[in-house]
Amino acid sequence: MGEEKDLIASLTLELRRGTLILSVLSQLHQPKYGYSLVQSLEEKGVVIDPSTLYPLLRRLEKQGLLISQWDIGESKPRKYYHRTPFGDQVYTKLKAQWLSMTSDMEKLLREEE
C-alpha cells in the first residue's frame, strides 16, 4: 500500500511539473514579483514552492521569455517579472498546444465510460 502511494505521488508530481511553465507564463502578462506570483497561482489552485519558482523564473528569463526589473521605490526592493513579446508568442503557442492535448486526453479518458 505504501509503495502504491509513493508511486502515485511520484507520477502526480511528474504531471504537475509539466504544467508549471504554462501556469507561470499565464500569470505574467503583467509584472509580478515572486511572492505575488506564488499567491496568484495558489488562489487558482496551483501550489508552487518558492524554491521551485525562483529557479524557473531565472531559466525563463535566460530563455528570453521573461524580463525582470527591480523596483526599489518601496520599503522593500522587489524584482518584478513579466513576459517579453517573445514570451507572449511562446505562451500563445503553448496554450494552444495545451488546449489541444487536454481535449485529446479527455476523449481518451472518456472511452472507458
N, C-alpha and C. Protein backbone atom coordinates (compact mmCIF):
# COMPACT_ATOMS: atom_id res chain seq x y z
N MET A 1 0.83 -1.19 0.00
CA MET A 1 0.00 0.00 0.00
C MET A 1 0.87 1.25 0.00
N GLY A 2 1.94 1.27 0.81
CA GLY A 2 2.83 2.42 0.88
C GLY A 2 3.55 2.66 -0.44
N GLU A 3 3.95 1.56 -1.10
CA GLU A 3 4.64 1.69 -2.39
C GLU A 3 3.71 2.28 -3.43
N GLU A 4 2.44 1.88 -3.39
CA GLU A 4 1.47 2.40 -4.35
C GLU A 4 1.27 3.91 -4.15
N LYS A 5 1.17 4.32 -2.88
CA LYS A 5 1.01 5.76 -2.59
C LYS A 5 2.22 6.53 -3.06
N ASP A 6 3.42 5.97 -2.84
CA ASP A 6 4.64 6.63 -3.28
C ASP A 6 4.68 6.76 -4.80
N LEU A 7 4.27 5.71 -5.48
CA LEU A 7 4.27 5.73 -6.94
C LEU A 7 3.28 6.77 -7.46
N ILE A 8 2.08 6.78 -6.90
CA ILE A 8 1.07 7.74 -7.33
C ILE A 8 1.54 9.17 -7.04
N ALA A 9 2.14 9.38 -5.89
CA ALA A 9 2.66 10.71 -5.55
C ALA A 9 3.75 11.13 -6.54
N SER A 10 4.63 10.21 -6.88
CA SER A 10 5.71 10.50 -7.82
C SER A 10 5.16 10.81 -9.22
N LEU A 11 4.21 10.03 -9.68
CA LEU A 11 3.62 10.27 -11.00
C LEU A 11 2.81 11.56 -11.04
N THR A 12 2.13 11.86 -9.95
CA THR A 12 1.37 13.11 -9.87
C THR A 12 2.32 14.31 -9.93
N LEU A 13 3.44 14.22 -9.22
CA LEU A 13 4.44 15.27 -9.23
C LEU A 13 4.98 15.48 -10.65
N GLU A 14 5.21 14.39 -11.34
CA GLU A 14 5.70 14.46 -12.72
C GLU A 14 4.68 15.16 -13.63
N LEU A 15 3.40 14.84 -13.47
CA LEU A 15 2.36 15.51 -14.24
C LEU A 15 2.34 17.01 -13.94
N ARG A 16 2.42 17.36 -12.67
CA ARG A 16 2.39 18.77 -12.26
C ARG A 16 3.57 19.56 -12.80
N ARG A 17 4.73 18.96 -12.80
CA ARG A 17 5.93 19.66 -13.28
C ARG A 17 5.75 20.14 -14.71
N GLY A 18 5.09 19.33 -15.50
CA GLY A 18 4.86 19.68 -16.89
C GLY A 18 3.95 20.86 -17.09
N THR A 19 3.19 21.21 -16.07
CA THR A 19 2.24 22.32 -16.21
C THR A 19 2.76 23.63 -15.62
N LEU A 20 3.84 23.59 -14.89
CA LEU A 20 4.31 24.77 -14.17
C LEU A 20 4.73 25.91 -15.09
N ILE A 21 5.41 25.61 -16.18
CA ILE A 21 5.86 26.66 -17.09
C ILE A 21 4.65 27.40 -17.66
N LEU A 22 3.68 26.65 -18.14
CA LEU A 22 2.47 27.28 -18.68
C LEU A 22 1.72 28.05 -17.61
N SER A 23 1.66 27.51 -16.41
CA SER A 23 1.00 28.19 -15.30
C SER A 23 1.66 29.52 -14.99
N VAL A 24 2.98 29.52 -14.91
CA VAL A 24 3.72 30.75 -14.60
C VAL A 24 3.57 31.76 -15.72
N LEU A 25 3.75 31.33 -16.96
CA LEU A 25 3.61 32.26 -18.09
C LEU A 25 2.21 32.87 -18.16
N SER A 26 1.21 32.10 -17.78
CA SER A 26 -0.17 32.60 -17.86
C SER A 26 -0.41 33.77 -16.92
N GLN A 27 0.37 33.85 -15.86
CA GLN A 27 0.16 34.89 -14.86
C GLN A 27 1.04 36.12 -15.06
N LEU A 28 1.96 36.06 -16.01
CA LEU A 28 2.92 37.15 -16.15
C LEU A 28 2.65 38.03 -17.37
N HIS A 29 1.39 38.20 -17.71
CA HIS A 29 1.01 39.15 -18.75
C HIS A 29 1.17 40.57 -18.23
N GLN A 30 1.21 40.69 -16.90
CA GLN A 30 1.54 41.96 -16.27
C GLN A 30 2.58 41.67 -15.19
N PRO A 31 3.40 42.65 -14.84
CA PRO A 31 4.50 42.41 -13.90
C PRO A 31 4.03 41.92 -12.53
N LYS A 32 4.75 40.93 -12.02
CA LYS A 32 4.51 40.42 -10.67
C LYS A 32 5.86 40.07 -10.06
N TYR A 33 5.95 40.23 -8.77
CA TYR A 33 7.16 39.77 -8.08
C TYR A 33 6.89 38.36 -7.57
N GLY A 34 7.94 37.67 -7.19
CA GLY A 34 7.86 36.25 -6.87
C GLY A 34 6.75 35.87 -5.91
N TYR A 35 6.70 36.53 -4.75
CA TYR A 35 5.71 36.14 -3.75
C TYR A 35 4.29 36.39 -4.25
N SER A 36 4.08 37.49 -4.98
CA SER A 36 2.73 37.75 -5.51
C SER A 36 2.35 36.71 -6.55
N LEU A 37 3.34 36.20 -7.28
CA LEU A 37 3.09 35.15 -8.25
C LEU A 37 2.70 33.85 -7.54
N VAL A 38 3.40 33.52 -6.47
CA VAL A 38 3.07 32.33 -5.67
C VAL A 38 1.62 32.44 -5.18
N GLN A 39 1.26 33.60 -4.65
CA GLN A 39 -0.11 33.82 -4.14
C GLN A 39 -1.14 33.71 -5.26
N SER A 40 -0.86 34.34 -6.38
CA SER A 40 -1.78 34.32 -7.52
C SER A 40 -2.03 32.89 -8.00
N LEU A 41 -0.97 32.11 -8.10
CA LEU A 41 -1.11 30.73 -8.53
C LEU A 41 -1.88 29.91 -7.50
N GLU A 42 -1.56 30.10 -6.21
CA GLU A 42 -2.24 29.35 -5.16
C GLU A 42 -3.73 29.66 -5.12
N GLU A 43 -4.09 30.92 -5.34
CA GLU A 43 -5.51 31.29 -5.38
C GLU A 43 -6.26 30.54 -6.48
N LYS A 44 -5.52 30.15 -7.51
CA LYS A 44 -6.13 29.44 -8.64
C LYS A 44 -5.92 27.94 -8.56
N GLY A 45 -5.41 27.47 -7.43
CA GLY A 45 -5.26 26.03 -7.20
C GLY A 45 -3.94 25.43 -7.62
N VAL A 46 -2.99 26.26 -8.03
CA VAL A 46 -1.68 25.76 -8.44
C VAL A 46 -0.68 26.11 -7.34
N VAL A 47 -0.28 25.10 -6.60
CA VAL A 47 0.67 25.30 -5.50
C VAL A 47 2.08 25.14 -6.06
N ILE A 48 2.90 26.14 -5.79
CA ILE A 48 4.30 26.08 -6.24
C ILE A 48 5.19 26.57 -5.11
N ASP A 49 6.19 25.81 -4.82
CA ASP A 49 7.13 26.16 -3.76
C ASP A 49 8.08 27.24 -4.28
N PRO A 50 8.38 28.25 -3.47
CA PRO A 50 9.33 29.28 -3.92
C PRO A 50 10.67 28.71 -4.38
N SER A 51 11.09 27.60 -3.77
CA SER A 51 12.37 27.01 -4.18
C SER A 51 12.29 26.38 -5.57
N THR A 52 11.10 26.17 -6.06
CA THR A 52 10.88 25.72 -7.43
C THR A 52 10.67 26.92 -8.35
N LEU A 53 9.94 27.90 -7.86
CA LEU A 53 9.58 29.05 -8.68
C LEU A 53 10.78 29.89 -9.10
N TYR A 54 11.62 30.28 -8.17
CA TYR A 54 12.70 31.22 -8.49
C TYR A 54 13.69 30.68 -9.52
N PRO A 55 14.12 29.42 -9.42
CA PRO A 55 14.98 28.89 -10.50
C PRO A 55 14.25 28.85 -11.84
N LEU A 56 12.94 28.55 -11.81
CA LEU A 56 12.16 28.53 -13.04
C LEU A 56 12.09 29.93 -13.66
N LEU A 57 11.87 30.95 -12.83
CA LEU A 57 11.83 32.33 -13.34
C LEU A 57 13.17 32.71 -13.97
N ARG A 58 14.27 32.35 -13.32
CA ARG A 58 15.59 32.67 -13.86
C ARG A 58 15.82 31.95 -15.20
N ARG A 59 15.38 30.70 -15.28
CA ARG A 59 15.55 29.94 -16.52
C ARG A 59 14.72 30.55 -17.65
N LEU A 60 13.46 30.91 -17.36
CA LEU A 60 12.60 31.52 -18.37
C LEU A 60 13.15 32.88 -18.82
N GLU A 61 13.77 33.60 -17.89
CA GLU A 61 14.38 34.87 -18.24
C GLU A 61 15.60 34.63 -19.15
N LYS A 62 16.39 33.65 -18.82
CA LYS A 62 17.56 33.31 -19.62
C LYS A 62 17.16 32.88 -21.04
N GLN A 63 15.99 32.25 -21.16
CA GLN A 63 15.49 31.80 -22.46
C GLN A 63 14.83 32.93 -23.25
N GLY A 64 14.73 34.11 -22.64
CA GLY A 64 14.17 35.26 -23.33
C GLY A 64 12.65 35.36 -23.25
N LEU A 65 12.03 34.52 -22.42
CA LEU A 65 10.57 34.53 -22.30
C LEU A 65 10.09 35.56 -21.29
N LEU A 66 10.94 35.89 -20.33
CA LEU A 66 10.61 36.87 -19.29
C LEU A 66 11.68 37.93 -19.24
N ILE A 67 11.31 39.04 -18.68
CA ILE A 67 12.25 40.11 -18.37
C ILE A 67 11.98 40.49 -16.91
N SER A 68 13.00 40.89 -16.22
CA SER A 68 12.82 41.29 -14.82
C SER A 68 13.30 42.71 -14.63
N GLN A 69 12.75 43.34 -13.61
CA GLN A 69 13.12 44.72 -13.29
C GLN A 69 12.96 44.92 -11.79
N TRP A 70 13.95 45.52 -11.18
CA TRP A 70 13.90 45.81 -9.76
C TRP A 70 13.08 47.06 -9.51
N ASP A 71 12.24 47.01 -8.49
CA ASP A 71 11.51 48.19 -8.02
C ASP A 71 12.05 48.50 -6.63
N ILE A 72 12.77 49.59 -6.54
CA ILE A 72 13.37 49.97 -5.26
C ILE A 72 12.63 51.15 -4.64
N GLY A 73 11.48 51.49 -5.20
CA GLY A 73 10.70 52.64 -4.72
C GLY A 73 9.94 52.37 -3.44
N GLU A 74 9.74 51.10 -3.10
CA GLU A 74 9.02 50.76 -1.88
C GLU A 74 10.02 50.48 -0.76
N SER A 75 9.50 50.22 0.44
CA SER A 75 10.38 49.98 1.58
C SER A 75 11.24 48.73 1.37
N LYS A 76 10.69 47.76 0.65
CA LYS A 76 11.43 46.52 0.39
C LYS A 76 11.61 46.37 -1.13
N PRO A 77 12.86 46.32 -1.60
CA PRO A 77 13.07 46.16 -3.05
C PRO A 77 12.48 44.84 -3.54
N ARG A 78 11.84 44.89 -4.71
CA ARG A 78 11.22 43.69 -5.28
C ARG A 78 11.60 43.58 -6.74
N LYS A 79 11.82 42.34 -7.15
CA LYS A 79 12.14 42.07 -8.55
C LYS A 79 10.85 41.62 -9.23
N TYR A 80 10.42 42.38 -10.21
CA TYR A 80 9.20 42.09 -10.95
C TYR A 80 9.54 41.39 -12.26
N TYR A 81 8.73 40.41 -12.60
CA TYR A 81 8.90 39.65 -13.83
C TYR A 81 7.67 39.85 -14.71
N HIS A 82 7.88 39.88 -16.01
CA HIS A 82 6.75 39.85 -16.93
C HIS A 82 7.22 39.27 -18.26
N ARG A 83 6.24 38.83 -19.06
CA ARG A 83 6.58 38.21 -20.34
C ARG A 83 7.13 39.24 -21.31
N THR A 84 8.07 38.80 -22.12
CA THR A 84 8.57 39.60 -23.23
C THR A 84 7.64 39.37 -24.42
N PRO A 85 7.78 40.15 -25.50
CA PRO A 85 7.00 39.86 -26.71
C PRO A 85 7.22 38.42 -27.19
N PHE A 86 8.47 37.95 -27.12
CA PHE A 86 8.76 36.56 -27.47
C PHE A 86 8.04 35.61 -26.51
N GLY A 87 8.06 35.95 -25.22
CA GLY A 87 7.34 35.15 -24.23
C GLY A 87 5.84 35.10 -24.51
N ASP A 88 5.28 36.21 -24.99
CA ASP A 88 3.86 36.23 -25.38
C ASP A 88 3.60 35.24 -26.51
N GLN A 89 4.49 35.24 -27.50
CA GLN A 89 4.34 34.32 -28.64
C GLN A 89 4.42 32.87 -28.19
N VAL A 90 5.42 32.58 -27.37
CA VAL A 90 5.60 31.21 -26.89
C VAL A 90 4.41 30.80 -26.03
N TYR A 91 3.96 31.69 -25.15
CA TYR A 91 2.81 31.39 -24.31
C TYR A 91 1.58 31.07 -25.16
N THR A 92 1.32 31.86 -26.19
CA THR A 92 0.17 31.63 -27.06
C THR A 92 0.24 30.25 -27.71
N LYS A 93 1.42 29.87 -28.17
CA LYS A 93 1.60 28.56 -28.81
C LYS A 93 1.47 27.43 -27.80
N LEU A 94 2.07 27.60 -26.62
CA LEU A 94 1.96 26.56 -25.59
C LEU A 94 0.51 26.40 -25.13
N LYS A 95 -0.19 27.51 -25.00
CA LYS A 95 -1.60 27.47 -24.59
C LYS A 95 -2.43 26.71 -25.62
N ALA A 96 -2.22 26.98 -26.89
CA ALA A 96 -2.95 26.27 -27.95
C ALA A 96 -2.62 24.78 -27.90
N GLN A 97 -1.34 24.46 -27.70
CA GLN A 97 -0.93 23.06 -27.60
C GLN A 97 -1.59 22.39 -26.40
N TRP A 98 -1.62 23.08 -25.27
CA TRP A 98 -2.24 22.54 -24.06
C TRP A 98 -3.72 22.26 -24.29
N LEU A 99 -4.43 23.20 -24.88
CA LEU A 99 -5.87 23.02 -25.12
C LEU A 99 -6.13 21.84 -26.04
N SER A 100 -5.29 21.68 -27.04
CA SER A 100 -5.42 20.54 -27.95
C SER A 100 -5.14 19.22 -27.22
N MET A 101 -4.07 19.20 -26.44
CA MET A 101 -3.71 17.98 -25.71
C MET A 101 -4.76 17.60 -24.69
N THR A 102 -5.29 18.57 -23.97
CA THR A 102 -6.29 18.23 -22.95
C THR A 102 -7.58 17.75 -23.59
N SER A 103 -7.91 18.30 -24.75
CA SER A 103 -9.09 17.84 -25.47
C SER A 103 -8.90 16.38 -25.90
N ASP A 104 -7.73 16.08 -26.43
CA ASP A 104 -7.42 14.71 -26.84
C ASP A 104 -7.42 13.76 -25.65
N MET A 105 -6.85 14.19 -24.54
CA MET A 105 -6.81 13.35 -23.33
C MET A 105 -8.22 13.08 -22.81
N GLU A 106 -9.05 14.11 -22.85
CA GLU A 106 -10.43 13.93 -22.40
C GLU A 106 -11.12 12.84 -23.22
N LYS A 107 -10.92 12.86 -24.53
CA LYS A 107 -11.50 11.83 -25.40
C LYS A 107 -11.00 10.45 -25.01
N LEU A 108 -9.68 10.35 -24.79
CA LEU A 108 -9.10 9.06 -24.40
C LEU A 108 -9.68 8.55 -23.08
N LEU A 109 -9.76 9.43 -22.11
CA LEU A 109 -10.19 9.03 -20.79
C LEU A 109 -11.68 8.73 -20.73
N ARG A 110 -12.45 9.31 -21.60
CA ARG A 110 -13.90 9.05 -21.64
C ARG A 110 -14.24 7.76 -22.37
N GLU A 111 -13.29 7.16 -23.08
CA GLU A 111 -13.53 5.90 -23.80
C GLU A 111 -13.98 4.80 -22.85
N GLU A 112 -13.53 4.85 -21.61
CA GLU A 112 -13.86 3.80 -20.63
C GLU A 112 -15.29 3.91 -20.14
N GLU A 113 -15.91 5.06 -20.30
CA GLU A 113 -17.26 5.27 -19.74
C GLU A 113 -18.33 4.56 -20.54
